[in-house]
Amino acid sequence: MARIDAAYNYFMTTYGDNIGNRYESHKKSELRDTYNKIVKANKDSPLYKIKDSEDMGQFAIDIKEHANSMALSVSNLSSAGEDISSVLDKRIASSSQPDSVEALYVGDDDSVADPFTIEVEELAKPQVNTGNFLPSEGHDFAEGQYSFDLDIRNHSYEFQFNVNKGETDLNVQNKIVRLLNTSDVGLSAMLISDDRTGSKAIQITSKATGKSTDENSLFNISSSISWRELNTLGIDNITQQPSNSSFKLNGNAHESLSNTFTVNKAYELALKAPSTGAVQVGLMNDTEALSKGINQLLDSYNGMIDIGLKYNGAHQNRTLFNEISSIARNQADGLAQVGIASDSLGHLTLDKDTLADTINGINSRGAFDTLNELKASISRAASKASINPMAYVDKAVVEYKNPGKSLAAPYATSAYSGMMVNYGL
């Protein structure tokens, strides 16, 4: 169990921030197809044991997440149609400072979408309550049942928790963190540490940002019954007031409760950081949109190449690297003609000018056929690696299945691949 916990911790710390993408939602038919592929892969898989080392689980997670990244880049290029040439007919928003403002076109293809400028001055902020730092092995809470009240956005909730005999302050803090995170009331809680003393405090953050003129705060915590325990925890202490985002559209000052909003019913903006001067937002031209999509595809491919190289260096296992790098080797001549070159390690780079010249030349159909072949090859590799990342891990085969009489056990591929079936598939 400790090994699985380590894998989960690695997954959340390495990839947790990337969860959530508009291409990650799936139809029932797609989920059913994924399930059937898992069943088929498992029916043909022998019984095996993996080495008892932590990086095996990390390697499986890396494979699966980079396979997911490749699948998302394929979906991005397929959102307007299976043929990559359809990207030229799709309206794609652009931002001159994407690290400050992300732009997404959400209007109709035949609607007017005039460009504009936005200057981001401040981001919208959530409310943050930070409790008192308590010694982890301390015993500041007597045995008994306690409660506190939470008022949030015209809703009131009562939270109750028990303290058992001998429980430490850390035990109690963990209970409250779990209670808040599982209640789904619009708050997220976590424990923070004092590096000097090692003591812990509960930090509670609202998922909403900003506040209207008639609001003083987004949530309030109080207790008339367990006021002593609440004072000990200190979770009613507001350490950051919520605030609105502040920005200028075409030079005119505006505010928003959120960092995500739409402009002219055509652009959805996500503010990421204060900008350096004015940010230009508009529509990409045809070749710019295509180049961006191809670069995303190549970045995801290069990420998987790096994972293969990393594992080759650690375990001298070239299975993943050979399988992924063969995609570019088999299509090298065609890729070179559309401006995609490979370096000595197998990484692919795009020459935008060559791509633009090719797709606007007399052999544009051949160029799109080459790009479609690359997209299809990466899609197949992503699906295979995502269904069973353990296929690339060092393992000892214990027993081969009886040919023709194998039984399906879809959750027995391994603890690590089964652990991540729900995310990314």
Protein backbone atom coordinates (compact mmCIF):
# COMPACT_ATOMS: atom_id res chain seq x y z
CA MET A 1 0.00 0.00 0.00
CA ALA A 2 2.89 2.35 0.73
CA ARG A 3 4.13 1.87 -2.84
CA ILE A 4 0.74 2.84 -4.26
CA ASP A 5 0.63 5.88 -1.96
CA ALA A 6 4.02 6.95 -3.30
CA ALA A 7 2.74 6.61 -6.87
CA TYR A 8 -0.36 8.67 -6.07
CA ASN A 9 1.76 11.38 -4.43
CA TYR A 10 4.05 11.50 -7.46
CA PHE A 11 1.04 11.74 -9.78
CA MET A 12 -0.59 14.62 -7.89
CA THR A 13 2.60 16.64 -7.36
CA THR A 14 3.82 16.18 -10.95
CA TYR A 15 0.62 16.26 -12.97
CA GLY A 16 -2.16 17.38 -10.60
CA ASP A 17 -2.14 20.97 -11.88
CA ASN A 18 -2.87 19.78 -15.42
CA ILE A 19 -6.15 18.08 -14.61
CA GLY A 20 -9.04 19.55 -16.54
CA ASN A 21 -9.16 20.14 -20.28
CA ARG A 22 -12.02 20.67 -22.68
CA TYR A 23 -10.80 17.72 -24.77
CA GLU A 24 -10.86 15.34 -21.82
CA SER A 25 -14.64 14.85 -21.80
CA HIS A 26 -15.85 11.77 -23.62
CA LYS A 27 -18.99 10.21 -25.03
CA LYS A 28 -20.31 6.94 -23.64
CA SER A 29 -19.25 5.19 -26.85
CA GLU A 30 -15.66 6.40 -26.41
CA LEU A 31 -15.53 5.21 -22.80
CA ARG A 32 -17.01 1.86 -23.84
CA ASP A 33 -14.37 1.56 -26.56
CA THR A 34 -11.63 2.29 -24.01
CA TYR A 35 -13.01 -0.36 -21.66
CA ASN A 36 -13.10 -2.93 -24.47
CA LYS A 37 -9.49 -2.15 -25.36
CA ILE A 38 -8.45 -2.68 -21.73
CA VAL A 39 -10.25 -6.03 -21.66
CA LYS A 40 -8.65 -7.15 -24.93
CA ALA A 41 -5.15 -6.08 -23.83
CA ASN A 42 -5.53 -7.94 -20.57
CA LYS A 43 -6.84 -11.14 -22.17
CA ASP A 44 -3.62 -11.43 -24.15
CA SER A 45 -1.27 -10.31 -21.37
CA PRO A 46 0.78 -12.89 -19.44
CA LEU A 47 1.00 -12.93 -15.66
CA TYR A 48 4.06 -10.96 -14.57
CA LYS A 49 5.80 -9.38 -11.61
CA ILE A 50 7.41 -5.94 -11.64
CA LYS A 51 10.53 -4.98 -9.76
CA ASP A 52 9.95 -3.57 -6.29
CA SER A 53 11.26 -0.08 -6.96
CA GLU A 54 9.47 3.25 -6.65
CA ASP A 55 10.48 4.54 -10.07
CA MET A 56 8.52 1.73 -11.75
CA GLY A 57 5.30 3.32 -10.63
CA GLN A 58 6.59 6.78 -11.54
CA PHE A 59 7.60 5.56 -14.97
CA ALA A 60 4.12 4.10 -15.58
CA ILE A 61 2.54 7.41 -14.52
CA ASP A 62 4.91 9.38 -16.78
CA ILE A 63 4.01 7.17 -19.75
CA LYS A 64 0.29 7.46 -19.16
CA GLU A 65 0.31 11.23 -18.67
CA HIS A 66 2.49 11.87 -21.72
CA ALA A 67 0.27 9.53 -23.73
CA ASN A 68 -2.67 11.62 -22.55
CA SER A 69 -0.84 14.77 -23.68
CA MET A 70 -0.34 13.26 -27.14
CA ALA A 71 -4.02 12.29 -27.32
CA LEU A 72 -5.07 15.83 -26.37
CA SER A 73 -2.87 17.37 -29.05
CA VAL A 74 -4.41 14.99 -31.59
CA SER A 75 -7.90 16.00 -30.42
CA ASN A 76 -6.98 19.66 -30.80
CA LEU A 77 -6.00 19.11 -34.44
CA SER A 78 -9.18 17.08 -35.02
CA SER A 79 -11.68 19.45 -33.39
CA ALA A 80 -12.71 20.94 -36.76
CA GLY A 81 -12.58 17.61 -38.64
CA GLU A 82 -10.46 14.50 -39.03
CA ASP A 83 -8.43 16.01 -41.89
CA ILE A 84 -5.81 18.46 -40.62
CA SER A 85 -6.64 20.76 -43.53
CA SER A 86 -9.92 21.56 -41.72
CA VAL A 87 -7.86 23.60 -39.22
CA LEU A 88 -7.54 26.23 -41.96
CA ASP A 89 -11.32 26.74 -41.81
CA LYS A 90 -11.42 27.00 -38.02
CA ARG A 91 -11.29 30.28 -36.14
CA ILE A 92 -8.62 30.21 -33.45
CA ALA A 93 -7.97 33.06 -31.03
CA SER A 94 -4.49 34.39 -30.45
CA SER A 95 -2.91 36.37 -27.61
CA SER A 96 0.32 38.33 -27.86
CA GLN A 97 1.09 37.43 -24.21
CA PRO A 98 -0.32 33.91 -23.62
CA ASP A 99 1.41 33.67 -20.22
CA SER A 100 -0.69 36.64 -19.12
CA VAL A 101 -3.93 36.17 -21.10
CA GLU A 102 -5.18 32.93 -22.67
CA ALA A 103 -7.73 33.44 -25.42
CA LEU A 104 -10.27 30.97 -26.82
CA TYR A 105 -12.66 31.71 -29.67
CA VAL A 106 -16.23 30.75 -28.68
CA GLY A 107 -18.25 32.70 -31.26
CA ASP A 108 -19.96 31.51 -34.42
CA ASP A 109 -17.88 31.02 -37.53
CA ASP A 110 -19.92 33.63 -39.37
CA SER A 111 -20.04 36.23 -36.58
CA VAL A 112 -17.95 39.40 -36.40
CA ALA A 113 -14.91 39.02 -34.13
CA ASP A 114 -13.01 42.29 -34.04
CA PRO A 115 -9.56 42.30 -32.42
CA PHE A 116 -9.00 44.28 -29.23
CA THR A 117 -6.42 45.03 -26.54
CA ILE A 118 -6.49 44.14 -22.87
CA GLU A 119 -4.14 45.34 -20.16
CA VAL A 120 -4.24 43.20 -17.01
CA GLU A 121 -3.51 45.13 -13.83
CA GLU A 122 -4.60 42.70 -11.07
CA LEU A 123 -5.97 39.17 -10.96
CA ALA A 124 -9.12 38.24 -9.08
CA LYS A 125 -8.22 36.58 -5.78
CA PRO A 126 -10.04 34.07 -3.57
CA GLN A 127 -10.61 34.42 0.16
CA VAL A 128 -8.02 32.60 2.26
CA ASN A 129 -8.37 31.69 5.93
CA THR A 130 -5.22 30.51 7.68
CA GLY A 131 -5.46 28.80 11.05
CA ASN A 132 -3.05 28.72 13.96
CA PHE A 133 0.14 26.67 13.74
CA LEU A 134 -0.15 23.76 16.18
CA PRO A 135 2.51 21.21 17.19
CA SER A 136 1.80 17.98 15.33
CA GLU A 137 2.24 15.83 18.44
CA GLY A 138 0.38 18.24 20.70
CA HIS A 139 -2.89 17.41 22.51
CA ASP A 140 -4.89 20.64 22.56
CA PHE A 141 -8.28 18.96 22.05
CA ALA A 142 -10.10 16.97 24.71
CA GLU A 143 -12.06 13.87 23.84
CA GLY A 144 -15.57 14.74 22.64
CA GLN A 145 -17.79 15.93 19.78
CA TYR A 146 -17.41 19.43 18.34
CA SER A 147 -18.96 21.51 15.58
CA PHE A 148 -18.61 24.78 13.71
CA ASP A 149 -20.87 26.71 11.33
CA LEU A 150 -19.99 27.76 7.80
CA ASP A 151 -21.83 30.55 5.96
CA ILE A 152 -21.00 30.76 2.26
CA ARG A 153 -22.90 32.56 -0.50
CA ASN A 154 -26.35 32.55 1.20
CA HIS A 155 -25.95 28.95 2.39
CA SER A 156 -25.31 27.73 5.93
CA TYR A 157 -23.75 24.41 6.92
CA GLU A 158 -22.89 22.75 10.21
CA PHE A 159 -19.76 20.61 10.37
CA GLN A 160 -19.28 18.10 13.17
CA PHE A 161 -16.16 16.18 14.09
CA ASN A 162 -15.14 13.81 16.89
CA VAL A 163 -11.94 13.83 18.86
CA ASN A 164 -10.99 10.45 20.26
CA LYS A 165 -8.92 9.89 23.35
CA GLY A 166 -5.22 10.42 22.75
CA GLU A 167 -5.59 11.99 19.30
CA THR A 168 -2.94 14.56 18.39
CA ASP A 169 -3.46 18.02 16.96
CA LEU A 170 -2.35 16.71 13.56
CA ASN A 171 -5.05 14.00 13.67
CA VAL A 172 -7.71 16.62 14.36
CA GLN A 173 -6.43 18.96 11.64
CA ASN A 174 -6.43 16.15 9.08
CA LYS A 175 -10.03 15.30 10.00
CA ILE A 176 -11.17 18.86 9.35
CA VAL A 177 -9.25 19.09 6.07
CA ARG A 178 -10.91 15.87 4.84
CA LEU A 179 -14.30 17.07 6.07
CA LEU A 180 -14.09 20.32 4.11
CA ASN A 181 -12.64 18.80 0.95
CA THR A 182 -15.26 16.06 0.73
CA SER A 183 -18.22 18.33 1.52
CA ASP A 184 -18.20 20.06 -1.90
CA VAL A 185 -19.30 23.44 -0.57
CA GLY A 186 -16.97 25.57 -2.68
CA LEU A 187 -13.88 25.45 -0.46
CA SER A 188 -10.56 23.65 -0.61
CA ALA A 189 -8.48 22.94 2.49
CA MET A 190 -4.90 21.87 3.04
CA LEU A 191 -2.24 21.71 5.74
CA ILE A 192 0.69 24.10 5.59
CA SER A 193 3.90 23.78 7.60
CA ASP A 194 6.10 26.14 9.55
CA ASP A 195 9.58 25.29 8.27
CA ARG A 196 11.18 26.51 11.48
CA THR A 197 9.10 24.60 14.04
CA GLY A 198 7.47 21.88 11.93
CA SER A 199 4.03 22.79 13.28
CA LYS A 200 0.97 22.64 11.03
CA ALA A 201 -1.94 24.95 10.25
CA ILE A 202 -5.13 24.55 8.23
CA GLN A 203 -5.45 26.82 5.22
CA ILE A 204 -8.89 27.18 3.62
CA THR A 205 -9.32 28.78 0.18
CA SER A 206 -12.57 29.66 -1.59
CA LYS A 207 -12.95 28.26 -5.08
CA ALA A 208 -14.74 31.47 -6.06
CA THR A 209 -12.87 34.74 -6.52
CA GLY A 210 -13.83 38.38 -6.21
CA LYS A 211 -16.72 39.92 -4.29
CA SER A 212 -19.65 42.14 -5.15
CA THR A 213 -20.21 45.55 -3.58
CA ASP A 214 -22.65 44.16 -0.99
CA GLU A 215 -20.28 41.41 0.21
CA ASN A 216 -17.68 41.67 2.93
CA SER A 217 -16.37 38.13 2.54
CA LEU A 218 -17.09 34.95 0.60
CA PHE A 219 -17.38 32.68 3.64
CA ASN A 220 -17.45 32.91 7.42
CA ILE A 221 -16.68 30.26 10.04
CA SER A 222 -18.05 30.56 13.56
CA SER A 223 -19.17 28.45 16.55
CA SER A 224 -21.17 29.26 19.64
CA ILE A 225 -20.81 25.75 21.07
CA SER A 226 -17.19 24.86 20.29
CA TRP A 227 -15.76 28.37 20.42
CA ARG A 228 -12.72 27.27 22.44
CA GLU A 229 -11.76 24.61 19.86
CA LEU A 230 -12.40 27.05 17.01
CA ASN A 231 -10.13 29.60 18.65
CA THR A 232 -7.46 26.91 19.01
CA LEU A 233 -7.74 25.99 15.33
CA GLY A 234 -7.95 29.63 14.22
CA ILE A 235 -9.65 28.73 10.93
CA ASP A 236 -11.98 31.75 11.23
CA ASN A 237 -9.02 34.06 10.68
CA ILE A 238 -9.14 35.73 7.22
CA THR A 239 -5.61 36.22 5.90
CA GLN A 240 -6.52 37.23 2.34
CA GLN A 241 -9.64 39.14 1.39
CA PRO A 242 -11.23 38.27 -1.97
CA SER A 243 -10.75 40.87 -4.69
CA ASN A 244 -11.86 41.42 -8.29
CA SER A 245 -9.69 41.35 -11.36
CA SER A 246 -8.80 44.76 -12.75
CA PHE A 247 -8.05 45.33 -16.43
CA LYS A 248 -8.49 47.72 -19.36
CA LEU A 249 -10.29 46.76 -22.58
CA ASN A 250 -9.24 49.03 -25.45
CA GLY A 251 -8.10 51.50 -22.78
CA ASN A 252 -11.34 51.47 -20.75
CA ALA A 253 -11.18 50.29 -17.11
CA HIS A 254 -13.17 47.18 -16.11
CA GLU A 255 -13.48 44.76 -13.20
CA SER A 256 -14.63 41.15 -12.99
CA LEU A 257 -15.41 38.77 -10.14
CA SER A 258 -13.51 36.05 -11.98
CA ASN A 259 -10.32 35.64 -13.97
CA THR A 260 -12.32 33.96 -16.76
CA PHE A 261 -14.92 35.86 -18.78
CA THR A 262 -16.11 36.45 -22.34
CA VAL A 263 -15.71 39.52 -24.52
CA ASN A 264 -18.26 40.39 -27.21
CA LYS A 265 -19.64 36.84 -27.05
CA ALA A 266 -16.71 35.83 -29.25
CA TYR A 267 -13.63 35.44 -27.03
CA GLU A 268 -13.25 33.63 -23.73
CA LEU A 269 -10.34 35.07 -21.80
CA ALA A 270 -8.47 33.49 -18.89
CA LEU A 271 -6.27 35.94 -16.99
CA LYS A 272 -3.05 34.32 -15.77
CA ALA A 273 -0.83 37.18 -14.62
CA PRO A 274 -0.52 40.98 -14.83
CA SER A 275 0.50 41.92 -18.35
CA THR A 276 3.42 43.95 -19.63
CA GLY A 277 1.58 46.70 -21.42
CA ALA A 278 -1.37 45.98 -23.70
CA VAL A 279 -2.07 42.43 -24.91
CA GLN A 280 -3.27 42.06 -28.49
CA VAL A 281 -6.18 39.58 -28.83
CA GLY A 282 -7.56 38.56 -32.21
CA LEU A 283 -7.82 35.67 -34.65
CA MET A 284 -4.85 33.75 -35.98
CA ASN A 285 -4.31 33.57 -39.68
CA ASP A 286 -4.65 30.16 -41.32
CA THR A 287 -1.01 29.06 -41.30
CA GLU A 288 -0.42 30.43 -37.78
CA ALA A 289 -3.26 28.31 -36.37
CA LEU A 290 -1.99 25.22 -38.17
CA SER A 291 1.60 25.82 -37.00
CA LYS A 292 0.45 26.17 -33.40
CA GLY A 293 -1.46 22.87 -33.54
CA ILE A 294 1.46 21.04 -35.17
CA ASN A 295 3.89 22.44 -32.59
CA GLN A 296 1.64 21.18 -29.76
CA LEU A 297 1.61 17.76 -31.41
CA LEU A 298 5.40 17.73 -31.73
CA ASP A 299 5.88 18.94 -28.13
CA SER A 300 3.78 16.04 -26.83
CA TYR A 301 5.72 13.62 -29.05
CA ASN A 302 9.05 15.01 -27.82
CA GLY A 303 7.85 14.62 -24.22
CA MET A 304 7.33 10.90 -24.77
CA ILE A 305 10.75 10.66 -26.43
CA ASP A 306 12.27 12.21 -23.28
CA ILE A 307 10.51 9.62 -21.08
CA GLY A 308 11.90 6.84 -23.28
CA LEU A 309 15.41 8.29 -23.04
CA LYS A 310 15.10 8.69 -19.27
CA TYR A 311 14.09 5.06 -18.77
CA ASN A 312 16.70 3.87 -21.23
CA GLY A 313 19.36 5.59 -19.11
CA ALA A 314 18.03 4.27 -15.79
CA HIS A 315 17.19 0.69 -16.75
CA GLN A 316 18.71 0.16 -20.21
CA ASN A 317 15.22 -0.54 -21.55
CA ARG A 318 14.78 0.88 -25.07
CA THR A 319 11.30 -0.52 -25.76
CA LEU A 320 9.39 2.74 -25.37
CA PHE A 321 12.03 4.89 -27.06
CA ASN A 322 12.36 2.56 -30.06
CA GLU A 323 8.59 2.34 -30.52
CA ILE A 324 7.97 6.09 -30.36
CA SER A 325 11.06 7.20 -32.31
CA SER A 326 10.18 4.75 -35.12
CA ILE A 327 7.21 6.99 -35.99
CA ALA A 328 9.51 9.81 -37.13
CA ARG A 329 12.09 7.46 -38.69
CA ASN A 330 9.48 5.76 -40.87
CA GLN A 331 8.13 9.09 -42.11
CA ALA A 332 11.39 11.06 -42.20
CA ASP A 333 11.37 11.95 -45.93
CA GLY A 334 7.76 13.13 -45.96
CA LEU A 335 8.17 15.09 -42.72
CA ALA A 336 11.24 16.88 -44.04
CA GLN A 337 9.23 18.11 -47.03
CA VAL A 338 6.67 19.82 -44.74
CA GLY A 339 9.35 21.39 -42.54
CA ILE A 340 9.57 18.84 -39.70
CA ALA A 341 13.14 17.78 -38.87
CA SER A 342 14.59 15.35 -36.33
CA ASP A 343 17.70 15.84 -34.19
CA SER A 344 20.17 13.20 -33.04
CA LEU A 345 17.98 12.21 -30.06
CA GLY A 346 14.80 11.88 -32.10
CA HIS A 347 13.15 15.20 -31.13
CA LEU A 348 11.05 16.82 -33.85
CA THR A 349 11.03 20.55 -34.66
CA LEU A 350 8.91 22.53 -37.10
CA ASP A 351 10.05 25.17 -39.59
CA LYS A 352 6.96 27.40 -39.90
CA ASP A 353 8.08 29.02 -43.15
CA THR A 354 8.61 25.68 -44.89
CA LEU A 355 5.22 24.46 -43.67
CA ALA A 356 3.50 27.62 -44.92
CA ASP A 357 5.20 27.38 -48.34
CA THR A 358 4.26 23.71 -48.67
CA ILE A 359 0.58 23.96 -47.76
CA ASN A 360 0.19 26.97 -50.04
CA GLY A 361 2.05 25.28 -52.91
CA ILE A 362 0.94 22.96 -55.69
CA ASN A 363 1.54 19.85 -53.54
CA SER A 364 -0.62 20.97 -50.62
CA ARG A 365 -2.66 17.76 -50.67
CA GLY A 366 0.48 15.67 -50.27
CA ALA A 367 1.57 17.86 -47.36
CA PHE A 368 -1.73 17.36 -45.57
CA ASP A 369 -1.56 13.60 -46.21
CA THR A 370 1.86 13.53 -44.52
CA LEU A 371 0.58 15.51 -41.53
CA ASN A 372 -2.50 13.29 -41.25
CA GLU A 373 -0.31 10.19 -41.29
CA LEU A 374 1.85 11.64 -38.49
CA LYS A 375 -1.25 12.53 -36.45
CA ALA A 376 -2.72 9.03 -36.92
CA SER A 377 0.56 7.33 -35.93
CA ILE A 378 0.86 9.45 -32.77
CA SER A 379 -2.80 8.78 -31.94
CA ARG A 380 -2.27 5.00 -32.18
CA ALA A 381 0.88 5.18 -30.05
CA ALA A 382 -0.90 7.31 -27.45
CA SER A 383 -3.83 4.89 -27.25
CA LYS A 384 -1.55 1.87 -26.85
CA ALA A 385 0.62 3.47 -24.16
CA SER A 386 -2.39 4.85 -22.28
CA ILE A 387 -4.27 1.53 -22.22
CA ASN A 388 -1.34 -0.38 -20.73
CA PRO A 389 1.75 1.63 -19.75
CA MET A 390 3.09 -1.45 -17.95
CA ALA A 391 3.90 -2.96 -21.34
CA TYR A 392 7.10 -0.86 -21.32
CA VAL A 393 8.21 -1.56 -17.74
CA ASP A 394 10.84 -4.12 -16.75
CA LYS A 395 9.05 -7.20 -15.50
CA ALA A 396 9.49 -10.93 -15.06
CA VAL A 397 6.93 -13.13 -16.81
CA VAL A 398 5.53 -15.70 -14.39
CA GLU A 399 3.08 -17.52 -16.63
CA TYR A 400 1.77 -17.22 -20.16
CA LYS A 401 -1.95 -17.62 -20.67
CA ASN A 402 -3.41 -20.65 -22.39
CA PRO A 403 -3.84 -19.64 -26.07
CA GLY A 404 -7.46 -19.54 -27.12
CA LYS A 405 -8.81 -20.00 -23.61
CA SER A 406 -7.83 -16.77 -21.88
CA LEU A 407 -10.29 -14.99 -19.61
CA ALA A 408 -10.82 -11.27 -19.27
CA ALA A 409 -9.74 -9.58 -16.04
CA PRO A 410 -9.80 -5.87 -16.98
CA TYR A 411 -8.54 -4.56 -13.65
CA ALA A 412 -5.60 -6.92 -13.31
CA THR A 413 -3.28 -5.23 -15.80
CA SER A 414 -1.48 -3.82 -12.80
CA ALA A 415 -2.16 -1.72 -9.74
CA TYR A 416 -0.52 1.29 -11.39
CA SER A 417 -2.31 1.27 -14.77
CA GLY A 418 -5.64 0.41 -13.14
CA MET A 419 -5.14 3.27 -10.72
CA MET A 420 -5.16 5.81 -13.53
CA VAL A 421 -7.88 4.45 -15.79
CA ASN A 422 -10.41 7.08 -14.67
CA TYR A 423 -8.20 10.05 -15.51
CA GLY A 424 -7.24 10.72 -19.08
CA LEU A 425 -9.35 7.99 -20.66
